[in-house]
All heavy atoms as atom14 arrays in JSON, in Angstrom:
{
  "sequence": "IDSPTGTVLVVLSASAGSGILAAGGSPATAIQSVMLIFTAATA",
  "atom14_mask": [
    [1, 1, 1, 1, 1, 1, 1, 1, 0, 0, 0, 0, 0, 0],
    [1, 1, 1, 1, 1, 1, 1, 1, 0, 0, 0, 0, 0, 0],
    [1, 1, 1, 1, 1, 1, 0, 0, 0, 0, 0, 0, 0, 0],
    [1, 1, 1, 1, 1, 1, 1, 0, 0, 0, 0, 0, 0, 0],
    [1, 1, 1, 1, 1, 1, 1, 0, 0, 0, 0, 0, 0, 0],
    [1, 1, 1, 1, 0, 0, 0, 0, 0, 0, 0, 0, 0, 0],
    [1, 1, 1, 1, 1, 1, 1, 0, 0, 0, 0, 0, 0, 0],
    [1, 1, 1, 1, 1, 1, 1, 0, 0, 0, 0, 0, 0, 0],
    [1, 1, 1, 1, 1, 1, 1, 1, 0, 0, 0, 0, 0, 0],
    [1, 1, 1, 1, 1, 1, 1, 0, 0, 0, 0, 0, 0, 0],
    [1, 1, 1, 1, 1, 1, 1, 0, 0, 0, 0, 0, 0, 0],
    [1, 1, 1, 1, 1, 1, 1, 1, 0, 0, 0, 0, 0, 0],
    [1, 1, 1, 1, 1, 1, 0, 0, 0, 0, 0, 0, 0, 0],
    [1, 1, 1, 1, 1, 0, 0, 0, 0, 0, 0, 0, 0, 0],
    [1, 1, 1, 1, 1, 1, 0, 0, 0, 0, 0, 0, 0, 0],
    [1, 1, 1, 1, 1, 0, 0, 0, 0, 0, 0, 0, 0, 0],
    [1, 1, 1, 1, 0, 0, 0, 0, 0, 0, 0, 0, 0, 0],
    [1, 1, 1, 1, 1, 1, 0, 0, 0, 0, 0, 0, 0, 0],
    [1, 1, 1, 1, 0, 0, 0, 0, 0, 0, 0, 0, 0, 0],
    [1, 1, 1, 1, 1, 1, 1, 1, 0, 0, 0, 0, 0, 0],
    [1, 1, 1, 1, 1, 1, 1, 1, 0, 0, 0, 0, 0, 0],
    [1, 1, 1, 1, 1, 0, 0, 0, 0, 0, 0, 0, 0, 0],
    [1, 1, 1, 1, 1, 0, 0, 0, 0, 0, 0, 0, 0, 0],
    [1, 1, 1, 1, 0, 0, 0, 0, 0, 0, 0, 0, 0, 0],
    [1, 1, 1, 1, 0, 0, 0, 0, 0, 0, 0, 0, 0, 0],
    [1, 1, 1, 1, 1, 1, 0, 0, 0, 0, 0, 0, 0, 0],
    [1, 1, 1, 1, 1, 1, 1, 0, 0, 0, 0, 0, 0, 0],
    [1, 1, 1, 1, 1, 0, 0, 0, 0, 0, 0, 0, 0, 0],
    [1, 1, 1, 1, 1, 1, 1, 0, 0, 0, 0, 0, 0, 0],
    [1, 1, 1, 1, 1, 0, 0, 0, 0, 0, 0, 0, 0, 0],
    [1, 1, 1, 1, 1, 1, 1, 1, 0, 0, 0, 0, 0, 0],
    [1, 1, 1, 1, 1, 1, 1, 1, 1, 0, 0, 0, 0, 0],
    [1, 1, 1, 1, 1, 1, 0, 0, 0, 0, 0, 0, 0, 0],
    [1, 1, 1, 1, 1, 1, 1, 0, 0, 0, 0, 0, 0, 0],
    [1, 1, 1, 1, 1, 1, 1, 1, 0, 0, 0, 0, 0, 0],
    [1, 1, 1, 1, 1, 1, 1, 1, 0, 0, 0, 0, 0, 0],
    [1, 1, 1, 1, 1, 1, 1, 1, 0, 0, 0, 0, 0, 0],
    [1, 1, 1, 1, 1, 1, 1, 1, 1, 1, 1, 0, 0, 0],
    [1, 1, 1, 1, 1, 1, 1, 0, 0, 0, 0, 0, 0, 0],
    [1, 1, 1, 1, 1, 0, 0, 0, 0, 0, 0, 0, 0, 0],
    [1, 1, 1, 1, 1, 0, 0, 0, 0, 0, 0, 0, 0, 0],
    [1, 1, 1, 1, 1, 1, 1, 0, 0, 0, 0, 0, 0, 0],
    [1, 1, 1, 1, 1, 0, 0, 0, 0, 0, 0, 0, 0, 0]
  ],
  "atom14_positions": [
    [[5.03, 13.16, 14.53], [4.27, 13.23, 13.32], [2.82, 12.79, 13.59], [2.6, 11.71, 14.15], [4.92, 12.35, 12.2], [4.18, 12.52, 10.91], [5.0, 10.89, 12.62], [4.32, 13.89, 10.26], [0.0, 0.0, 0.0], [0.0, 0.0, 0.0], [0.0, 0.0, 0.0], [0.0, 0.0, 0.0], [0.0, 0.0, 0.0], [0.0, 0.0, 0.0]],
    [[1.88, 13.65, 13.23], [0.45, 13.43, 13.5], [-0.06, 12.44, 12.46], [0.17, 12.62, 11.26], [-0.25, 14.73, 13.47], [-1.77, 14.59, 13.63], [-2.14, 14.01, 14.64], [-2.52, 15.06, 12.77], [0.0, 0.0, 0.0], [0.0, 0.0, 0.0], [0.0, 0.0, 0.0], [0.0, 0.0, 0.0], [0.0, 0.0, 0.0], [0.0, 0.0, 0.0]],
    [[-0.82, 11.42, 12.84], [-1.24, 10.37, 11.97], [-2.15, 10.9, 10.78], [-1.9, 10.62, 9.69], [-1.97, 9.25, 12.69], [-1.1, 8.58, 13.54], [0.0, 0.0, 0.0], [0.0, 0.0, 0.0], [0.0, 0.0, 0.0], [0.0, 0.0, 0.0], [0.0, 0.0, 0.0], [0.0, 0.0, 0.0], [0.0, 0.0, 0.0], [0.0, 0.0, 0.0]],
    [[-3.15, 11.7, 11.13], [-3.95, 12.24, 9.97], [-3.15, 13.14, 9.07], [-3.24, 13.07, 7.81], [-5.09, 13.02, 10.68], [-5.23, 12.41, 12.06], [-3.83, 12.06, 12.43], [0.0, 0.0, 0.0], [0.0, 0.0, 0.0], [0.0, 0.0, 0.0], [0.0, 0.0, 0.0], [0.0, 0.0, 0.0], [0.0, 0.0, 0.0], [0.0, 0.0, 0.0]],
    [[-2.37, 14.01, 9.67], [-1.52, 14.9, 8.82], [-0.48, 14.15, 8.07], [-0.2, 14.4, 6.9], [-0.83, 15.98, 9.73], [-1.81, 16.59, 10.54], [-0.17, 17.02, 8.89], [0.0, 0.0, 0.0], [0.0, 0.0, 0.0], [0.0, 0.0, 0.0], [0.0, 0.0, 0.0], [0.0, 0.0, 0.0], [0.0, 0.0, 0.0], [0.0, 0.0, 0.0]],
    [[0.17, 13.13, 8.79], [1.1, 12.3, 8.04], [0.56, 11.53, 6.92], [1.18, 11.34, 5.88], [0.0, 0.0, 0.0], [0.0, 0.0, 0.0], [0.0, 0.0, 0.0], [0.0, 0.0, 0.0], [0.0, 0.0, 0.0], [0.0, 0.0, 0.0], [0.0, 0.0, 0.0], [0.0, 0.0, 0.0], [0.0, 0.0, 0.0], [0.0, 0.0, 0.0]],
    [[-0.73, 11.12, 7.07], [-1.38, 10.43, 5.95], [-1.56, 11.31, 4.7], [-1.33, 10.89, 3.57], [-2.76, 9.88, 6.41], [-2.56, 9.02, 7.58], [-3.44, 9.11, 5.31], [0.0, 0.0, 0.0], [0.0, 0.0, 0.0], [0.0, 0.0, 0.0], [0.0, 0.0, 0.0], [0.0, 0.0, 0.0], [0.0, 0.0, 0.0], [0.0, 0.0, 0.0]],
    [[-1.92, 12.57, 4.98], [-2.02, 13.5, 3.85], [-0.7, 13.73, 3.18], [-0.52, 13.81, 2.0], [-2.65, 14.83, 4.32], [-2.76, 15.84, 3.16], [-4.02, 14.65, 4.89], [0.0, 0.0, 0.0], [0.0, 0.0, 0.0], [0.0, 0.0, 0.0], [0.0, 0.0, 0.0], [0.0, 0.0, 0.0], [0.0, 0.0, 0.0], [0.0, 0.0, 0.0]],
    [[0.39, 13.8, 3.99], [1.71, 13.94, 3.46], [2.13, 12.73, 2.59], [2.82, 12.87, 1.58], [2.75, 14.17, 4.6], [2.67, 15.45, 5.33], [3.75, 15.44, 6.44], [2.85, 16.68, 4.4], [0.0, 0.0, 0.0], [0.0, 0.0, 0.0], [0.0, 0.0, 0.0], [0.0, 0.0, 0.0], [0.0, 0.0, 0.0], [0.0, 0.0, 0.0]],
    [[1.67, 11.54, 3.04], [1.95, 10.31, 2.18], [1.27, 10.42, 0.83], [1.9, 10.14, -0.19], [1.48, 9.09, 3.0], [1.5, 7.88, 2.07], [2.28, 8.8, 4.24], [0.0, 0.0, 0.0], [0.0, 0.0, 0.0], [0.0, 0.0, 0.0], [0.0, 0.0, 0.0], [0.0, 0.0, 0.0], [0.0, 0.0, 0.0], [0.0, 0.0, 0.0]],
    [[0.01, 10.87, 0.84], [-0.68, 11.08, -0.43], [-0.01, 12.15, -1.24], [0.15, 11.96, -2.5], [-2.19, 11.4, -0.17], [-2.87, 11.73, -1.49], [-2.87, 10.33, 0.59], [0.0, 0.0, 0.0], [0.0, 0.0, 0.0], [0.0, 0.0, 0.0], [0.0, 0.0, 0.0], [0.0, 0.0, 0.0], [0.0, 0.0, 0.0], [0.0, 0.0, 0.0]],
    [[0.43, 13.19, -0.63], [1.08, 14.28, -1.35], [2.45, 13.83, -1.92], [2.74, 14.17, -3.08], [1.3, 15.44, -0.38], [1.92, 16.76, -0.93], [0.96, 17.29, -2.0], [2.01, 17.78, 0.19], [0.0, 0.0, 0.0], [0.0, 0.0, 0.0], [0.0, 0.0, 0.0], [0.0, 0.0, 0.0], [0.0, 0.0, 0.0], [0.0, 0.0, 0.0]],
    [[3.14, 12.99, -1.2], [4.34, 12.42, -1.74], [4.15, 11.53, -2.91], [4.89, 11.59, -3.91], [5.07, 11.62, -0.59], [6.18, 10.92, -1.09], [0.0, 0.0, 0.0], [0.0, 0.0, 0.0], [0.0, 0.0, 0.0], [0.0, 0.0, 0.0], [0.0, 0.0, 0.0], [0.0, 0.0, 0.0], [0.0, 0.0, 0.0], [0.0, 0.0, 0.0]],
    [[3.11, 10.71, -2.88], [2.81, 9.82, -3.96], [2.51, 10.6, -5.27], [2.97, 10.3, -6.32], [1.66, 8.89, -3.58], [0.0, 0.0, 0.0], [0.0, 0.0, 0.0], [0.0, 0.0, 0.0], [0.0, 0.0, 0.0], [0.0, 0.0, 0.0], [0.0, 0.0, 0.0], [0.0, 0.0, 0.0], [0.0, 0.0, 0.0], [0.0, 0.0, 0.0]],
    [[1.66, 11.67, -5.11], [1.22, 12.4, -6.29], [2.39, 13.2, -6.9], [2.64, 13.2, -8.06], [0.02, 13.27, -5.96], [0.39, 14.21, -4.93], [0.0, 0.0, 0.0], [0.0, 0.0, 0.0], [0.0, 0.0, 0.0], [0.0, 0.0, 0.0], [0.0, 0.0, 0.0], [0.0, 0.0, 0.0], [0.0, 0.0, 0.0], [0.0, 0.0, 0.0]],
    [[3.08, 13.93, -5.94], [4.2, 14.77, -6.46], [5.37, 13.94, -6.95], [5.96, 14.24, -8.01], [4.66, 15.71, -5.36], [0.0, 0.0, 0.0], [0.0, 0.0, 0.0], [0.0, 0.0, 0.0], [0.0, 0.0, 0.0], [0.0, 0.0, 0.0], [0.0, 0.0, 0.0], [0.0, 0.0, 0.0], [0.0, 0.0, 0.0], [0.0, 0.0, 0.0]],
    [[5.74, 12.9, -6.21], [6.9, 12.07, -6.63], [6.62, 11.33, -7.96], [7.49, 11.32, -8.8], [0.0, 0.0, 0.0], [0.0, 0.0, 0.0], [0.0, 0.0, 0.0], [0.0, 0.0, 0.0], [0.0, 0.0, 0.0], [0.0, 0.0, 0.0], [0.0, 0.0, 0.0], [0.0, 0.0, 0.0], [0.0, 0.0, 0.0], [0.0, 0.0, 0.0]],
    [[5.43, 10.78, -8.1], [5.15, 10.08, -9.38], [5.12, 11.07, -10.55], [5.55, 10.67, -11.67], [3.84, 9.35, -9.26], [2.79, 10.22, -8.98], [0.0, 0.0, 0.0], [0.0, 0.0, 0.0], [0.0, 0.0, 0.0], [0.0, 0.0, 0.0], [0.0, 0.0, 0.0], [0.0, 0.0, 0.0], [0.0, 0.0, 0.0], [0.0, 0.0, 0.0]],
    [[4.63, 12.29, -10.29], [4.54, 13.27, -11.37], [5.93, 13.69, -11.83], [6.14, 13.82, -13.04], [0.0, 0.0, 0.0], [0.0, 0.0, 0.0], [0.0, 0.0, 0.0], [0.0, 0.0, 0.0], [0.0, 0.0, 0.0], [0.0, 0.0, 0.0], [0.0, 0.0, 0.0], [0.0, 0.0, 0.0], [0.0, 0.0, 0.0], [0.0, 0.0, 0.0]],
    [[6.85, 13.84, -10.87], [8.24, 14.28, -11.25], [8.95, 13.13, -12.01], [9.67, 13.32, -12.98], [8.97, 14.68, -10.0], [8.4, 15.94, -9.42], [10.46, 14.89, -10.31], [8.9, 16.33, -8.08], [0.0, 0.0, 0.0], [0.0, 0.0, 0.0], [0.0, 0.0, 0.0], [0.0, 0.0, 0.0], [0.0, 0.0, 0.0], [0.0, 0.0, 0.0]],
    [[8.75, 11.83, -11.53], [9.35, 10.74, -12.21], [8.76, 10.57, -13.64], [9.53, 10.26, -14.62], [9.11, 9.46, -11.42], [9.89, 9.31, -10.09], [9.46, 8.07, -9.35], [11.4, 9.39, -10.31], [0.0, 0.0, 0.0], [0.0, 0.0, 0.0], [0.0, 0.0, 0.0], [0.0, 0.0, 0.0], [0.0, 0.0, 0.0], [0.0, 0.0, 0.0]],
    [[7.44, 10.75, -13.75], [6.85, 10.64, -15.08], [7.32, 11.7, -16.05], [7.37, 11.5, -17.25], [5.33, 10.79, -14.93], [0.0, 0.0, 0.0], [0.0, 0.0, 0.0], [0.0, 0.0, 0.0], [0.0, 0.0, 0.0], [0.0, 0.0, 0.0], [0.0, 0.0, 0.0], [0.0, 0.0, 0.0], [0.0, 0.0, 0.0], [0.0, 0.0, 0.0]],
    [[7.75, 12.86, -15.52], [8.21, 13.95, -16.36], [9.71, 13.8, -16.73], [10.26, 14.69, -17.36], [8.01, 15.3, -15.63], [0.0, 0.0, 0.0], [0.0, 0.0, 0.0], [0.0, 0.0, 0.0], [0.0, 0.0, 0.0], [0.0, 0.0, 0.0], [0.0, 0.0, 0.0], [0.0, 0.0, 0.0], [0.0, 0.0, 0.0], [0.0, 0.0, 0.0]],
    [[10.29, 12.7, -16.27], [11.69, 12.39, -16.64], [12.67, 12.73, -15.52], [13.9, 12.69, -15.74], [0.0, 0.0, 0.0], [0.0, 0.0, 0.0], [0.0, 0.0, 0.0], [0.0, 0.0, 0.0], [0.0, 0.0, 0.0], [0.0, 0.0, 0.0], [0.0, 0.0, 0.0], [0.0, 0.0, 0.0], [0.0, 0.0, 0.0], [0.0, 0.0, 0.0]],
    [[12.18, 13.19, -14.4], [13.12, 13.51, -13.27], [13.72, 12.26, -12.61], [13.09, 11.18, -12.68], [0.0, 0.0, 0.0], [0.0, 0.0, 0.0], [0.0, 0.0, 0.0], [0.0, 0.0, 0.0], [0.0, 0.0, 0.0], [0.0, 0.0, 0.0], [0.0, 0.0, 0.0], [0.0, 0.0, 0.0], [0.0, 0.0, 0.0], [0.0, 0.0, 0.0]],
    [[14.82, 12.44, -12.0], [15.5, 11.3, -11.37], [14.86, 11.12, -9.96], [14.24, 12.0, -9.4], [16.98, 11.57, -11.2], [17.22, 12.72, -10.34], [0.0, 0.0, 0.0], [0.0, 0.0, 0.0], [0.0, 0.0, 0.0], [0.0, 0.0, 0.0], [0.0, 0.0, 0.0], [0.0, 0.0, 0.0], [0.0, 0.0, 0.0], [0.0, 0.0, 0.0]],
    [[15.08, 9.96, -9.32], [14.59, 9.73, -8.0], [15.16, 10.74, -7.01], [14.38, 11.15, -6.1], [15.08, 8.29, -7.63], [15.18, 7.64, -8.93], [15.62, 8.69, -9.94], [0.0, 0.0, 0.0], [0.0, 0.0, 0.0], [0.0, 0.0, 0.0], [0.0, 0.0, 0.0], [0.0, 0.0, 0.0], [0.0, 0.0, 0.0], [0.0, 0.0, 0.0]],
    [[16.38, 11.16, -7.11], [16.94, 12.14, -6.21], [16.22, 13.47, -6.36], [15.93, 14.15, -5.36], [18.45, 12.28, -6.52], [0.0, 0.0, 0.0], [0.0, 0.0, 0.0], [0.0, 0.0, 0.0], [0.0, 0.0, 0.0], [0.0, 0.0, 0.0], [0.0, 0.0, 0.0], [0.0, 0.0, 0.0], [0.0, 0.0, 0.0], [0.0, 0.0, 0.0]],
    [[15.91, 13.86, -7.58], [15.22, 15.12, -7.81], [13.76, 15.03, -7.18], [13.32, 16.01, -6.6], [15.1, 15.4, -9.33], [16.39, 15.52, -9.88], [14.34, 16.72, -9.58], [0.0, 0.0, 0.0], [0.0, 0.0, 0.0], [0.0, 0.0, 0.0], [0.0, 0.0, 0.0], [0.0, 0.0, 0.0], [0.0, 0.0, 0.0], [0.0, 0.0, 0.0]],
    [[13.17, 13.86, -7.4], [11.79, 13.71, -6.83], [11.83, 13.81, -5.3], [10.93, 14.42, -4.71], [11.22, 12.4, -7.34], [0.0, 0.0, 0.0], [0.0, 0.0, 0.0], [0.0, 0.0, 0.0], [0.0, 0.0, 0.0], [0.0, 0.0, 0.0], [0.0, 0.0, 0.0], [0.0, 0.0, 0.0], [0.0, 0.0, 0.0], [0.0, 0.0, 0.0]],
    [[12.79, 13.13, -4.71], [12.92, 13.15, -3.21], [13.14, 14.57, -2.7], [12.47, 15.01, -1.79], [14.05, 12.25, -2.77], [13.7, 10.77, -3.05], [14.35, 12.44, -1.32], [14.84, 9.86, -2.87], [0.0, 0.0, 0.0], [0.0, 0.0, 0.0], [0.0, 0.0, 0.0], [0.0, 0.0, 0.0], [0.0, 0.0, 0.0], [0.0, 0.0, 0.0]],
    [[14.02, 15.28, -3.39], [14.28, 16.67, -2.98], [13.05, 17.53, -3.15], [12.74, 18.33, -2.22], [15.44, 17.26, -3.79], [15.79, 18.67, -3.38], [16.82, 19.25, -4.34], [16.46, 19.55, -5.49], [18.08, 19.43, -3.91], [0.0, 0.0, 0.0], [0.0, 0.0, 0.0], [0.0, 0.0, 0.0], [0.0, 0.0, 0.0], [0.0, 0.0, 0.0]],
    [[12.3, 17.36, -4.21], [11.12, 18.16, -4.45], [10.06, 17.86, -3.42], [9.35, 18.76, -2.87], [10.63, 17.94, -5.85], [11.59, 18.28, -6.85], [0.0, 0.0, 0.0], [0.0, 0.0, 0.0], [0.0, 0.0, 0.0], [0.0, 0.0, 0.0], [0.0, 0.0, 0.0], [0.0, 0.0, 0.0], [0.0, 0.0, 0.0], [0.0, 0.0, 0.0]],
    [[9.86, 16.54, -3.11], [8.81, 16.18, -2.16], [9.15, 16.72, -0.76], [8.28, 17.19, -0.06], [8.72, 14.65, -2.12], [7.85, 14.18, -0.94], [8.08, 14.11, -3.42], [0.0, 0.0, 0.0], [0.0, 0.0, 0.0], [0.0, 0.0, 0.0], [0.0, 0.0, 0.0], [0.0, 0.0, 0.0], [0.0, 0.0, 0.0], [0.0, 0.0, 0.0]],
    [[10.44, 16.68, -0.43], [10.82, 17.18, 0.9], [10.61, 18.69, 0.98], [10.23, 19.22, 2.03], [12.28, 16.85, 1.23], [12.51, 15.39, 1.46], [11.57, 14.75, 2.92], [12.15, 15.78, 4.24], [0.0, 0.0, 0.0], [0.0, 0.0, 0.0], [0.0, 0.0, 0.0], [0.0, 0.0, 0.0], [0.0, 0.0, 0.0], [0.0, 0.0, 0.0]],
    [[10.88, 19.4, -0.13], [10.57, 20.86, -0.13], [9.08, 21.14, 0.01], [8.67, 22.06, 0.69], [11.08, 21.5, -1.46], [12.56, 21.71, -1.52], [12.97, 22.21, -2.92], [13.01, 22.75, -0.49], [0.0, 0.0, 0.0], [0.0, 0.0, 0.0], [0.0, 0.0, 0.0], [0.0, 0.0, 0.0], [0.0, 0.0, 0.0], [0.0, 0.0, 0.0]],
    [[8.26, 20.28, -0.61], [6.8, 20.42, -0.45], [6.41, 20.18, 0.97], [5.55, 20.9, 1.57], [6.1, 19.44, -1.44], [6.35, 19.88, -2.87], [4.61, 19.46, -1.12], [5.91, 18.87, -3.85], [0.0, 0.0, 0.0], [0.0, 0.0, 0.0], [0.0, 0.0, 0.0], [0.0, 0.0, 0.0], [0.0, 0.0, 0.0], [0.0, 0.0, 0.0]],
    [[7.01, 19.15, 1.64], [6.72, 18.94, 3.06], [7.11, 20.14, 3.89], [6.39, 20.46, 4.84], [7.53, 17.69, 3.51], [7.01, 16.35, 3.02], [7.71, 15.18, 3.28], [5.84, 16.31, 2.26], [7.2, 13.97, 2.77], [5.36, 15.09, 1.84], [6.0, 13.92, 2.05], [0.0, 0.0, 0.0], [0.0, 0.0, 0.0], [0.0, 0.0, 0.0]],
    [[8.25, 20.74, 3.6], [8.68, 21.91, 4.38], [7.73, 23.07, 4.21], [7.37, 23.76, 5.15], [10.15, 22.32, 3.95], [11.01, 21.21, 4.2], [10.59, 23.54, 4.75], [0.0, 0.0, 0.0], [0.0, 0.0, 0.0], [0.0, 0.0, 0.0], [0.0, 0.0, 0.0], [0.0, 0.0, 0.0], [0.0, 0.0, 0.0], [0.0, 0.0, 0.0]],
    [[7.28, 23.26, 2.91], [6.29, 24.32, 2.66], [5.0, 24.05, 3.43], [4.38, 25.02, 3.99], [6.03, 24.43, 1.17], [0.0, 0.0, 0.0], [0.0, 0.0, 0.0], [0.0, 0.0, 0.0], [0.0, 0.0, 0.0], [0.0, 0.0, 0.0], [0.0, 0.0, 0.0], [0.0, 0.0, 0.0], [0.0, 0.0, 0.0], [0.0, 0.0, 0.0]],
    [[4.53, 22.78, 3.44], [3.32, 22.44, 4.17], [3.53, 22.72, 5.71], [2.56, 23.16, 6.38], [2.95, 20.95, 3.93], [0.0, 0.0, 0.0], [0.0, 0.0, 0.0], [0.0, 0.0, 0.0], [0.0, 0.0, 0.0], [0.0, 0.0, 0.0], [0.0, 0.0, 0.0], [0.0, 0.0, 0.0], [0.0, 0.0, 0.0], [0.0, 0.0, 0.0]],
    [[4.71, 22.44, 6.22], [4.96, 22.63, 7.64], [4.88, 24.11, 7.94], [4.25, 24.54, 8.96], [6.37, 22.1, 8.02], [6.42, 20.69, 7.79], [6.68, 22.38, 9.44], [0.0, 0.0, 0.0], [0.0, 0.0, 0.0], [0.0, 0.0, 0.0], [0.0, 0.0, 0.0], [0.0, 0.0, 0.0], [0.0, 0.0, 0.0], [0.0, 0.0, 0.0]],
    [[5.54, 24.95, 7.09], [5.52, 26.44, 7.36], [4.12, 27.01, 7.19], [3.69, 27.83, 8.0], [6.47, 27.12, 6.37], [0.0, 0.0, 0.0], [0.0, 0.0, 0.0], [0.0, 0.0, 0.0], [0.0, 0.0, 0.0], [0.0, 0.0, 0.0], [0.0, 0.0, 0.0], [0.0, 0.0, 0.0], [0.0, 0.0, 0.0], [0.0, 0.0, 0.0]]
  ]
}
């Protein structure tokens, strides 16, 4: 995992995860969504 890229992923996780939780989503849903976003960023 590249440090600069990983840092951007950390920021992306914070923004996406908090948004899903604020919208009423469960932690499991937020985790799954964030991981899908990570996969999309990788591709």
